[in-house]
Amino acid sequence: MHRSAMEDRARMYKKKGSNNEELRRRRRENEVELRKQKRQDILENRRKITEVNEKPQASRIPAEIIDQLKSEQTGIEATAIRIIGSKLTTSEWSLFDLCSNGILSILSDIYSNRRRSDIVARSIAEIFRICSNRPSDAKTADKLCIESLCYVLGDNVESIEITCDCLQAISVFVGMNIIYRNIAFDSAIVPELLNIYERNDPRANRCLMWLVSQLFHRLQEYSPRVEEVAPLMELVASGMQSTDTAIQSDAIRACALMAEWPDIWQEMHTNKLLVLLVNSLSSGIGVARPSVLKAIDFITETTPDFTQEMIDAGLLTVLKPIINVRYISRDVCYILANISGEGEHVIDRLISSGVLLEVTKVMETAEYRTRKEAAYTICHCCSSTSRAHIAYILEIGLLRVFTDLLTCMDPSLVTYILDALESLLLYGEINLSPDYTNPVSVQLEEIGCRAKLEFLSQSQNIDIHVKSYNILDRFFDDDELVHYNATCSAELRSTVDQTIDSLLSAVAANNS
């Protein structure tokens, strides 16, 4: 009965009648199909050029050859590549035939992203050289590929099919390796891109902007000269203001990527890209927002001058409505934490814009990491010497939130909060209640902050121990508490003395 029940259950599953080898073969086939489909989806998404003033072109290249190139099977791809090379050599197929079917970008993908032999790599490089119709003294296949594609791009700017396919082919190389990007710069690709931009063709501009965004990827590594990159600023600025969503999104991405390279910030300032970067946050392109916020994070963390420029451009106004958007809330709070440390004039702007009130709401409802960044923002504001700033912070009611965070497992944050509490208590000491009590200390006592301070006064972290003890000693006058903490301190000192004595005794024993 037991065996029969197992057999009946086995019949319910799809693997019925299949052994392990058959199941393994099916998994491999499914994985191959999924990878192929995913790769095609990615390429199609990157190109973003379908159905834009595009007319079907008659092609002399059989569909079987194109399918073989997309098969992701090394032997079949190599056969198709040999056929393409021979047809080009005998002039049976032209460069236009290849580009109208997107073959240059497919060959670039095979060369850069798939496993292939050196023979196949050299064959692809030779196809590109034939397409460029000029000899080359390149010592490596990599350089030969990119140089040839740049030559093709420069010699065929009037053909939209050749231009688009060539731009996509170069994008594949540049996106794969930073070294390829620098070879493209050395091949004088920037003037060619400017010439294409002047044509103002929608298809070409989409491909162009995607390539530009790839050129700005990881500029801080193996960086080119600023003078080489600066002419592209005009393209990026125009793209960020485009009505074409695809072009605008890629231009915003390019601007965000270049912001990671401090050497180019002055050029960004000159071309008003920092202002456009701020405006792009309110453009409604949700996909681009995280990368833009990351760029603004980097700038506000390191350069006060450019931070002020973005604040003047309305950064705080733009951040206010998106601070509670879950997937970017932490990044927004991180930017505000950087900004709030720039001086009292910035704190004035934070208060007048209403952003600080929104930060309070985040501290009450968000997850811990976001609350942490929001807490740093408020702590920086508490370091202000302006009584109006401190009064506003007390008015919006942050004492309970600070109290909740006092026992988090981050010593740095706890230290900041203790400093902020001390500033608030000092303000309360100056502005006593009618009964001559400190209103801040009374409120902290009511919400249970004192118990947490007593706990922190026993901390092994010396900064936390000293700060919490000093707050208790000054603002919560209690002889019993002071005696208790003094006893704790004496016990700690006694323990340290005993440890030192033990170490000295051990050293003396070893020496003897």
Protein backbone atom coordinates (compact mmCIF):
# COMPACT_ATOMS: atom_id res chain seq x y z
CA MET A 1 0.00 0.00 0.00
CA HIS A 2 2.74 2.37 0.88
CA ARG A 3 4.54 1.81 -2.44
CA SER A 4 1.30 2.22 -4.39
CA ALA A 5 0.55 5.50 -2.64
CA MET A 6 4.02 6.81 -3.54
CA GLU A 7 3.53 5.84 -7.19
CA ASP A 8 0.13 7.55 -7.30
CA ARG A 9 1.66 10.71 -5.85
CA ALA A 10 4.52 10.64 -8.36
CA ARG A 11 2.03 10.67 -11.24
CA MET A 12 0.81 14.07 -10.07
CA TYR A 13 4.10 15.78 -10.92
CA LYS A 14 5.43 17.01 -14.27
CA LYS A 15 8.58 14.93 -13.94
CA LYS A 16 6.57 11.71 -14.36
CA GLY A 17 8.45 9.28 -16.56
CA SER A 18 11.67 11.34 -16.61
CA ASN A 19 15.00 10.33 -15.18
CA ASN A 20 17.60 12.70 -13.73
CA GLU A 21 19.42 13.15 -17.06
CA GLU A 22 16.22 14.12 -18.83
CA LEU A 23 15.29 16.58 -16.11
CA ARG A 24 18.77 18.10 -16.20
CA ARG A 25 18.52 18.51 -19.99
CA ARG A 26 15.16 20.24 -19.67
CA ARG A 27 16.51 22.64 -17.05
CA ARG A 28 19.43 23.55 -19.30
CA GLU A 29 17.12 24.21 -22.24
CA ASN A 30 14.80 26.32 -20.11
CA GLU A 31 17.75 28.31 -18.73
CA VAL A 32 19.08 28.94 -22.24
CA GLU A 33 15.69 30.17 -23.43
CA LEU A 34 15.28 32.41 -20.40
CA ARG A 35 18.75 33.91 -20.90
CA LYS A 36 18.10 34.52 -24.59
CA GLN A 37 14.78 36.19 -23.90
CA LYS A 38 16.24 38.30 -21.10
CA ARG A 39 19.14 39.39 -23.30
CA GLN A 40 16.78 40.39 -26.10
CA ASP A 41 14.59 42.32 -23.67
CA ILE A 42 17.60 44.17 -22.30
CA LEU A 43 18.94 45.02 -25.75
CA GLU A 44 15.53 46.18 -26.93
CA ASN A 45 15.11 48.32 -23.85
CA ARG A 46 18.56 49.82 -24.31
CA ARG A 47 18.09 50.59 -27.95
CA LYS A 48 14.71 52.27 -27.53
CA ILE A 49 14.60 52.92 -31.27
CA THR A 50 11.75 50.68 -32.46
CA GLU A 51 8.87 52.26 -34.35
CA VAL A 52 10.38 55.75 -34.50
CA ASN A 53 10.03 56.89 -38.13
CA GLU A 54 11.20 53.42 -39.06
CA LYS A 55 10.32 51.90 -42.43
CA PRO A 56 10.83 48.22 -43.25
CA GLN A 57 13.96 47.67 -45.33
CA ALA A 58 14.46 44.99 -47.93
CA SER A 59 17.36 42.78 -46.85
CA ARG A 60 19.61 40.44 -48.78
CA ILE A 61 20.71 38.72 -45.57
CA PRO A 62 18.71 35.53 -44.87
CA ALA A 63 16.83 35.37 -41.59
CA GLU A 64 18.65 32.08 -40.86
CA ILE A 65 21.97 33.94 -40.54
CA ILE A 66 20.51 36.40 -38.07
CA ASP A 67 18.95 33.57 -36.05
CA GLN A 68 22.32 31.78 -35.97
CA LEU A 69 24.01 34.91 -34.60
CA LYS A 70 21.40 35.07 -31.83
CA SER A 71 21.56 31.34 -31.02
CA GLU A 72 24.15 31.72 -28.21
CA GLN A 73 25.75 28.48 -29.42
CA THR A 74 29.44 28.97 -30.15
CA GLY A 75 29.74 26.70 -33.17
CA ILE A 76 26.63 28.03 -34.91
CA GLU A 77 27.66 31.65 -34.24
CA ALA A 78 31.15 31.00 -35.64
CA THR A 79 29.66 29.57 -38.86
CA ALA A 80 27.43 32.62 -39.34
CA ILE A 81 30.36 34.97 -38.71
CA ARG A 82 32.47 33.21 -41.36
CA ILE A 83 29.63 33.53 -43.88
CA ILE A 84 29.23 37.25 -43.14
CA GLY A 85 32.97 37.82 -43.54
CA SER A 86 33.12 36.02 -46.88
CA LYS A 87 30.03 37.80 -48.24
CA LEU A 88 31.46 41.18 -47.30
CA THR A 89 34.81 40.35 -48.89
CA THR A 90 33.12 39.47 -52.19
CA SER A 91 30.81 42.50 -51.93
CA GLU A 92 27.71 40.32 -52.07
CA TRP A 93 26.52 42.02 -48.88
CA SER A 94 27.07 45.66 -48.07
CA LEU A 95 27.52 47.63 -44.86
CA PHE A 96 23.95 48.90 -45.28
CA ASP A 97 22.66 45.31 -45.43
CA LEU A 98 24.38 44.52 -42.13
CA CYS A 99 23.25 47.65 -40.33
CA SER A 100 19.63 47.47 -41.51
CA ASN A 101 19.46 44.14 -39.63
CA GLY A 102 21.38 45.37 -36.57
CA ILE A 103 24.22 42.91 -37.18
CA LEU A 104 27.04 45.21 -36.03
CA SER A 105 25.52 45.50 -32.55
CA ILE A 106 24.89 41.72 -32.46
CA LEU A 107 28.53 41.06 -33.36
CA SER A 108 29.64 43.52 -30.66
CA ASP A 109 27.52 41.65 -28.15
CA ILE A 110 29.09 38.32 -29.17
CA TYR A 111 32.57 39.83 -28.92
CA SER A 112 32.06 41.55 -25.54
CA ASN A 113 29.56 39.55 -23.54
CA ARG A 114 29.76 35.93 -24.62
CA ARG A 115 32.33 33.19 -24.52
CA ARG A 116 34.12 33.06 -27.85
CA SER A 117 37.48 31.87 -29.18
CA ASP A 118 40.30 34.14 -30.26
CA ILE A 119 39.64 33.10 -33.85
CA VAL A 120 36.03 34.29 -33.63
CA ALA A 121 37.15 37.54 -31.97
CA ARG A 122 39.63 38.20 -34.75
CA SER A 123 37.01 37.37 -37.38
CA ILE A 124 34.59 39.90 -35.88
CA ALA A 125 37.35 42.52 -35.73
CA GLU A 126 38.14 41.85 -39.40
CA ILE A 127 34.46 42.29 -40.34
CA PHE A 128 34.49 45.69 -38.64
CA ARG A 129 37.71 46.62 -40.44
CA ILE A 130 36.19 45.68 -43.80
CA CYS A 131 33.14 47.79 -42.97
CA SER A 132 35.38 50.78 -42.25
CA ASN A 133 37.01 50.32 -45.68
CA ARG A 134 40.46 51.33 -44.50
CA PRO A 135 43.57 49.58 -43.19
CA SER A 136 44.45 49.60 -39.51
CA ASP A 137 47.68 49.17 -37.58
CA ALA A 138 45.86 48.23 -34.35
CA LYS A 139 47.85 45.62 -32.45
CA THR A 140 44.87 44.17 -30.58
CA ALA A 141 41.45 43.02 -31.75
CA ASP A 142 39.80 45.25 -29.13
CA LYS A 143 41.34 48.40 -30.51
CA LEU A 144 40.70 47.30 -34.09
CA CYS A 145 36.99 46.80 -33.35
CA ILE A 146 36.40 50.17 -31.73
CA GLU A 147 38.60 52.15 -34.10
CA SER A 148 36.83 50.59 -37.09
CA LEU A 149 33.38 51.33 -35.66
CA CYS A 150 34.37 54.96 -35.07
CA TYR A 151 35.57 55.20 -38.68
CA VAL A 152 32.27 53.72 -39.90
CA LEU A 153 30.36 56.22 -37.76
CA GLY A 154 32.30 59.16 -39.16
CA ASP A 155 32.06 58.10 -42.79
CA ASN A 156 28.33 57.27 -42.87
CA VAL A 157 26.55 59.98 -40.89
CA GLU A 158 24.00 60.44 -43.69
CA SER A 159 22.65 56.89 -43.32
CA ILE A 160 20.36 56.59 -40.32
CA GLU A 161 20.48 52.77 -40.36
CA ILE A 162 24.27 52.67 -40.30
CA THR A 163 24.47 55.43 -37.70
CA CYS A 164 22.03 53.76 -35.30
CA ASP A 165 23.54 50.29 -35.56
CA CYS A 166 27.06 51.64 -35.20
CA LEU A 167 26.11 53.69 -32.14
CA GLN A 168 24.57 50.60 -30.56
CA ALA A 169 27.65 48.52 -31.38
CA ILE A 170 29.97 51.05 -29.71
CA SER A 171 27.59 51.24 -26.73
CA VAL A 172 27.95 47.51 -26.19
CA PHE A 173 31.75 47.79 -26.08
CA VAL A 174 31.78 50.90 -23.89
CA GLY A 175 29.27 49.43 -21.45
CA MET A 176 31.34 46.28 -21.10
CA ASN A 177 34.76 47.69 -20.26
CA ILE A 178 36.17 51.05 -19.20
CA ILE A 179 39.25 50.46 -21.34
CA TYR A 180 37.00 50.26 -24.41
CA ARG A 181 35.54 53.64 -23.41
CA ASN A 182 38.98 55.22 -23.38
CA ILE A 183 39.83 53.69 -26.76
CA ALA A 184 36.67 55.32 -28.12
CA PHE A 185 37.77 58.70 -26.76
CA ASP A 186 41.22 58.20 -28.31
CA SER A 187 39.50 57.42 -31.62
CA ALA A 188 37.97 60.92 -31.61
CA ILE A 189 34.40 59.75 -31.11
CA VAL A 190 33.24 62.99 -29.46
CA PRO A 191 33.31 65.15 -32.66
CA GLU A 192 31.39 62.42 -34.49
CA LEU A 193 28.72 62.39 -31.78
CA LEU A 194 28.36 66.16 -32.02
CA ASN A 195 27.88 65.90 -35.79
CA ILE A 196 25.16 63.28 -35.33
CA TYR A 197 23.44 65.44 -32.70
CA GLU A 198 23.23 68.34 -35.15
CA ARG A 199 21.10 66.21 -37.49
CA ASN A 200 18.33 66.13 -34.87
CA ASP A 201 17.01 62.74 -35.96
CA PRO A 202 14.80 61.07 -33.28
CA ARG A 203 16.13 57.54 -33.84
CA ALA A 204 19.74 58.66 -33.94
CA ASN A 205 19.29 60.84 -30.85
CA ARG A 206 17.94 57.93 -28.83
CA CYS A 207 20.90 55.76 -29.73
CA LEU A 208 23.24 58.70 -29.25
CA MET A 209 22.01 59.52 -25.74
CA TRP A 210 22.28 55.90 -24.66
CA LEU A 211 25.91 55.84 -25.82
CA VAL A 212 26.62 59.14 -24.05
CA SER A 213 25.24 57.71 -20.80
CA GLN A 214 27.57 54.73 -21.25
CA LEU A 215 30.56 57.01 -21.86
CA PHE A 216 30.00 58.68 -18.48
CA HIS A 217 29.91 55.41 -16.56
CA ARG A 218 32.65 55.18 -13.87
CA LEU A 219 34.45 58.30 -15.06
CA GLN A 220 36.36 58.42 -11.79
CA GLU A 221 38.22 55.26 -12.82
CA TYR A 222 40.78 55.51 -15.64
CA SER A 223 39.47 59.01 -16.16
CA PRO A 224 39.90 60.81 -19.48
CA ARG A 225 40.78 64.48 -19.59
CA VAL A 226 37.99 66.88 -18.72
CA GLU A 227 38.54 68.64 -22.05
CA GLU A 228 37.64 65.43 -23.89
CA VAL A 229 34.33 65.04 -22.10
CA ALA A 230 33.24 68.67 -21.74
CA PRO A 231 31.84 69.05 -25.32
CA LEU A 232 29.24 66.38 -24.51
CA MET A 233 27.71 68.66 -21.85
CA GLU A 234 25.64 70.39 -24.51
CA LEU A 235 24.11 67.07 -25.58
CA VAL A 236 23.30 66.09 -22.00
CA ALA A 237 21.76 69.47 -21.16
CA SER A 238 19.58 69.33 -24.28
CA GLY A 239 18.59 65.72 -23.59
CA MET A 240 17.52 66.50 -20.01
CA GLN A 241 15.04 69.03 -21.39
CA SER A 242 13.80 66.78 -24.19
CA THR A 243 10.15 65.82 -24.53
CA ASP A 244 11.21 62.30 -25.52
CA THR A 245 11.07 60.22 -22.33
CA ALA A 246 13.75 57.78 -23.48
CA ILE A 247 16.20 60.56 -24.37
CA GLN A 248 15.44 62.46 -21.17
CA SER A 249 15.90 59.39 -18.99
CA ASP A 250 19.29 58.53 -20.53
CA ALA A 251 20.43 62.16 -20.32
CA ILE A 252 19.50 62.31 -16.63
CA ARG A 253 21.40 59.07 -16.07
CA ALA A 254 24.44 60.53 -17.86
CA CYS A 255 24.30 63.66 -15.69
CA ALA A 256 24.00 61.57 -12.53
CA LEU A 257 26.97 59.41 -13.55
CA MET A 258 29.23 62.33 -14.35
CA ALA A 259 28.47 63.83 -10.92
CA GLU A 260 30.48 60.99 -9.38
CA TRP A 261 33.63 62.55 -10.89
CA PRO A 262 34.54 65.72 -8.92
CA ASP A 263 36.89 66.98 -11.65
CA ILE A 264 33.92 67.72 -13.89
CA TRP A 265 31.78 69.61 -11.38
CA GLN A 266 33.01 73.00 -12.53
CA GLU A 267 31.99 72.18 -16.09
CA MET A 268 28.61 71.01 -14.80
CA HIS A 269 28.24 74.32 -12.99
CA THR A 270 29.18 76.27 -16.11
CA ASN A 271 26.65 74.40 -18.24
CA LYS A 272 23.87 74.70 -15.59
CA LEU A 273 23.67 70.92 -15.29
CA LEU A 274 23.39 71.04 -11.49
CA VAL A 275 20.20 73.07 -11.82
CA LEU A 276 18.87 70.61 -14.42
CA LEU A 277 19.81 67.74 -12.12
CA VAL A 278 17.62 69.21 -9.39
CA ASN A 279 14.77 69.84 -11.81
CA SER A 280 14.94 66.25 -13.04
CA LEU A 281 13.77 65.04 -9.61
CA SER A 282 10.38 66.64 -10.23
CA SER A 283 10.13 65.55 -13.88
CA GLY A 284 8.24 62.40 -12.95
CA ILE A 285 10.78 59.87 -14.28
CA GLY A 286 10.72 57.51 -11.32
CA VAL A 287 13.32 55.14 -12.77
CA ALA A 288 15.93 57.89 -12.89
CA ARG A 289 15.30 59.27 -9.40
CA PRO A 290 17.52 56.86 -7.43
CA SER A 291 20.55 57.59 -9.64
CA VAL A 292 19.91 61.35 -9.42
CA LEU A 293 19.62 61.19 -5.65
CA LYS A 294 22.85 59.21 -5.48
CA ALA A 295 24.61 61.93 -7.49
CA ILE A 296 23.22 64.70 -5.28
CA ASP A 297 24.26 62.65 -2.21
CA PHE A 298 27.83 62.63 -3.45
CA ILE A 299 27.93 66.35 -4.24
CA THR A 300 26.31 67.50 -0.99
CA GLU A 301 28.66 65.29 0.99
CA THR A 302 31.83 66.87 -0.37
CA THR A 303 31.29 70.36 -1.83
CA PRO A 304 29.39 73.13 0.04
CA ASP A 305 29.58 75.59 -2.89
CA PHE A 306 27.74 73.33 -5.31
CA THR A 307 25.34 72.32 -2.54
CA GLN A 308 24.32 75.94 -2.12
CA GLU A 309 23.78 76.24 -5.87
CA MET A 310 21.38 73.30 -5.83
CA ILE A 311 19.53 74.68 -2.78
CA ASP A 312 19.13 77.99 -4.61
CA ALA A 313 17.78 76.00 -7.58
CA GLY A 314 14.96 74.69 -5.37
CA LEU A 315 16.38 71.40 -4.11
CA LEU A 316 14.51 71.54 -0.80
CA THR A 317 11.22 72.30 -2.52
CA VAL A 318 11.73 69.29 -4.78
CA LEU A 319 12.72 66.96 -1.93
CA LYS A 320 9.79 67.82 0.32
CA PRO A 321 7.06 65.91 -1.57
CA ILE A 322 9.22 62.82 -2.17
CA ILE A 323 10.71 62.39 1.29
CA ASN A 324 7.97 59.91 2.21
CA VAL A 325 8.32 57.83 -0.96
CA ARG A 326 9.38 54.49 0.49
CA TYR A 327 12.08 53.36 -1.95
CA ILE A 328 13.92 56.71 -1.99
CA SER A 329 13.15 58.08 1.49
CA ARG A 330 16.50 56.99 2.91
CA ASP A 331 18.43 58.71 0.09
CA VAL A 332 16.47 61.92 0.58
CA CYS A 333 17.18 61.89 4.33
CA TYR A 334 20.87 61.27 3.65
CA ILE A 335 20.97 64.37 1.43
CA LEU A 336 19.23 66.40 4.13
CA ALA A 337 21.71 65.14 6.73
CA ASN A 338 24.56 66.42 4.54
CA ILE A 339 22.84 69.73 3.87
CA SER A 340 21.91 70.42 7.50
CA GLY A 341 25.56 70.51 8.52
CA GLU A 342 26.40 73.37 6.16
CA GLY A 343 25.49 76.20 8.56
CA GLU A 344 22.65 78.10 10.17
CA HIS A 345 21.57 79.74 6.90
CA VAL A 346 20.79 76.26 5.55
CA ILE A 347 18.83 75.38 8.70
CA ASP A 348 16.76 78.53 8.07
CA ARG A 349 15.97 77.19 4.60
CA LEU A 350 15.09 73.75 5.99
CA ILE A 351 12.62 75.30 8.42
CA SER A 352 11.07 77.81 6.01
CA SER A 353 10.59 75.17 3.29
CA GLY A 354 8.75 72.84 5.68
CA VAL A 355 11.19 70.01 5.03
CA LEU A 356 12.16 69.68 8.69
CA LEU A 357 8.57 68.99 9.65
CA GLU A 358 8.45 66.19 7.06
CA VAL A 359 11.65 64.76 8.53
CA THR A 360 9.84 64.52 11.86
CA LYS A 361 7.15 62.37 10.28
CA VAL A 362 9.78 60.11 8.74
CA MET A 363 11.43 59.61 12.14
CA GLU A 364 8.13 58.38 13.53
CA THR A 365 7.06 55.99 10.77
CA ALA A 366 9.98 54.87 8.58
CA GLU A 367 12.23 51.84 8.92
CA TYR A 368 15.34 52.09 11.09
CA ARG A 369 17.96 53.04 8.47
CA THR A 370 15.81 55.90 7.19
CA ARG A 371 15.04 57.06 10.72
CA LYS A 372 18.76 57.03 11.42
CA GLU A 373 19.52 59.45 8.55
CA ALA A 374 16.59 61.62 9.58
CA ALA A 375 17.92 61.70 13.15
CA TYR A 376 21.31 62.92 11.93
CA THR A 377 19.50 65.78 10.15
CA ILE A 378 17.77 66.88 13.35
CA CYS A 379 20.95 66.45 15.40
CA HIS A 380 22.82 68.80 13.07
CA CYS A 381 20.03 71.33 13.44
CA CYS A 382 20.27 71.05 17.25
CA SER A 383 23.90 72.17 17.07
CA SER A 384 22.70 75.61 15.90
CA THR A 385 23.44 78.58 18.14
CA SER A 386 20.14 80.21 17.14
CA ARG A 387 17.50 80.05 19.85
CA ALA A 388 14.79 80.23 17.17
CA HIS A 389 16.07 77.00 15.63
CA ILE A 390 16.09 75.16 18.96
CA ALA A 391 12.64 76.48 19.83
CA TYR A 392 11.29 75.21 16.50
CA ILE A 393 12.77 71.75 17.02
CA LEU A 394 11.12 71.55 20.47
CA GLU A 395 7.88 72.81 18.99
CA ILE A 396 7.62 70.02 16.41
CA GLY A 397 8.04 67.45 19.19
CA LEU A 398 11.10 65.30 18.66
CA LEU A 399 11.99 64.43 22.26
CA ARG A 400 10.06 61.16 22.23
CA VAL A 401 11.65 60.06 18.96
CA PHE A 402 15.12 60.88 20.29
CA THR A 403 14.33 58.89 23.43
CA ASP A 404 13.31 55.86 21.36
CA LEU A 405 16.61 55.93 19.44
CA LEU A 406 18.81 56.26 22.54
CA THR A 407 19.07 52.50 22.94
CA CYS A 408 19.82 51.64 19.30
CA MET A 409 22.96 49.63 18.57
CA ASP A 410 24.81 52.48 16.84
CA PRO A 411 27.25 54.27 19.19
CA SER A 412 27.83 57.09 16.71
CA LEU A 413 24.12 57.90 16.44
CA VAL A 414 23.64 57.67 20.22
CA THR A 415 26.51 60.11 20.72
CA TYR A 416 24.94 62.57 18.27
CA ILE A 417 21.56 62.28 20.01
CA LEU A 418 23.12 62.88 23.42
CA ASP A 419 24.74 66.06 22.08
CA ALA A 420 21.39 67.14 20.63
CA LEU A 421 19.62 66.48 23.95
CA GLU A 422 22.22 68.52 25.78
CA SER A 423 21.61 71.46 23.42
CA LEU A 424 17.87 71.20 23.97
CA LEU A 425 18.31 70.97 27.74
CA LEU A 426 20.60 74.03 27.72
CA TYR A 427 17.86 75.94 25.92
CA GLY A 428 15.38 74.79 28.57
CA GLU A 429 17.76 75.90 31.30
CA ILE A 430 17.78 79.40 29.84
CA ASN A 431 14.01 79.48 29.33
CA LEU A 432 12.69 78.13 32.65
CA SER A 433 9.04 77.46 33.39
CA PRO A 434 7.12 79.75 35.79
CA ASP A 435 7.91 77.30 38.59
CA TYR A 436 11.64 77.65 37.79
CA THR A 437 11.98 74.14 36.42
CA ASN A 438 13.61 73.14 33.15
CA PRO A 439 10.66 72.32 30.85
CA VAL A 440 12.80 70.11 28.62
CA SER A 441 14.11 67.97 31.49
CA VAL A 442 10.58 67.68 32.90
CA GLN A 443 9.26 66.46 29.56
CA LEU A 444 12.13 64.00 29.16
CA GLU A 445 11.42 62.67 32.64
CA GLU A 446 7.78 62.12 31.72
CA ILE A 447 8.54 60.12 28.56
CA GLY A 448 11.09 57.85 30.27
CA CYS A 449 14.28 59.36 28.88
CA ARG A 450 15.95 59.51 32.27
CA ALA A 451 15.83 55.73 32.73
CA LYS A 452 17.56 55.29 29.38
CA LEU A 453 20.20 57.84 30.32
CA GLU A 454 20.87 55.92 33.53
CA PHE A 455 21.32 52.78 31.47
CA LEU A 456 23.70 54.57 29.07
CA SER A 457 25.73 55.97 31.97
CA GLN A 458 26.92 52.40 32.54
CA SER A 459 28.03 51.96 28.92
CA GLN A 460 31.53 50.65 28.17
CA ASN A 461 31.76 53.29 25.42
CA ILE A 462 33.58 56.14 27.14
CA ASP A 463 31.93 58.92 25.09
CA ILE A 464 28.42 57.64 25.76
CA HIS A 465 29.22 57.03 29.43
CA VAL A 466 30.59 60.54 29.98
CA LYS A 467 27.92 62.37 27.98
CA SER A 468 24.96 60.57 29.56
CA TYR A 469 26.42 60.93 33.05
CA ASN A 470 27.03 64.67 32.56
CA ILE A 471 23.45 65.18 31.34
CA LEU A 472 22.08 63.35 34.37
CA ASP A 473 24.39 65.17 36.74
CA ARG A 474 23.57 68.64 35.38
CA PHE A 475 19.94 68.51 34.36
CA PHE A 476 18.51 65.75 36.59
CA ASP A 477 19.68 66.69 40.05
CA ASP A 478 19.50 63.57 42.24
CA ASP A 479 22.04 62.75 44.95
CA GLU A 480 21.18 59.08 44.92
CA LEU A 481 21.70 58.91 41.16
CA VAL A 482 25.02 60.72 41.37
CA HIS A 483 26.22 58.41 44.11
CA TYR A 484 25.10 55.36 42.13
CA ASN A 485 26.96 56.46 39.03
CA ALA A 486 30.00 57.43 41.01
CA THR A 487 29.99 53.92 42.44
CA CYS A 488 29.73 52.48 38.92
CA SER A 489 32.63 54.63 37.80
CA ALA A 490 34.69 53.55 40.81
CA GLU A 491 33.89 49.91 40.05
CA LEU A 492 34.96 50.41 36.43
CA ARG A 493 38.22 52.03 37.54
CA SER A 494 38.77 49.25 40.03
CA THR A 495 38.26 46.63 37.34
CA VAL A 496 40.69 48.40 35.02
CA ASP A 497 43.28 48.64 37.81
CA GLN A 498 42.93 44.93 38.53
CA THR A 499 43.39 44.13 34.83
CA ILE A 500 46.54 46.25 34.62
CA ASP A 501 47.93 44.59 37.77
CA SER A 502 47.27 41.16 36.30
CA LEU A 503 49.03 42.05 33.06
CA LEU A 504 52.05 43.43 34.89
CA SER A 505 52.26 40.30 37.05
CA ALA A 506 52.10 38.07 33.97
CA VAL A 507 54.88 40.05 32.24
CA ALA A 508 57.05 39.87 35.37
CA ALA A 509 56.50 36.11 35.60
CA ASN A 510 57.53 35.61 31.97
CA ASN A 511 60.66 37.72 32.39
CA SER A 512 61.70 35.73 35.44
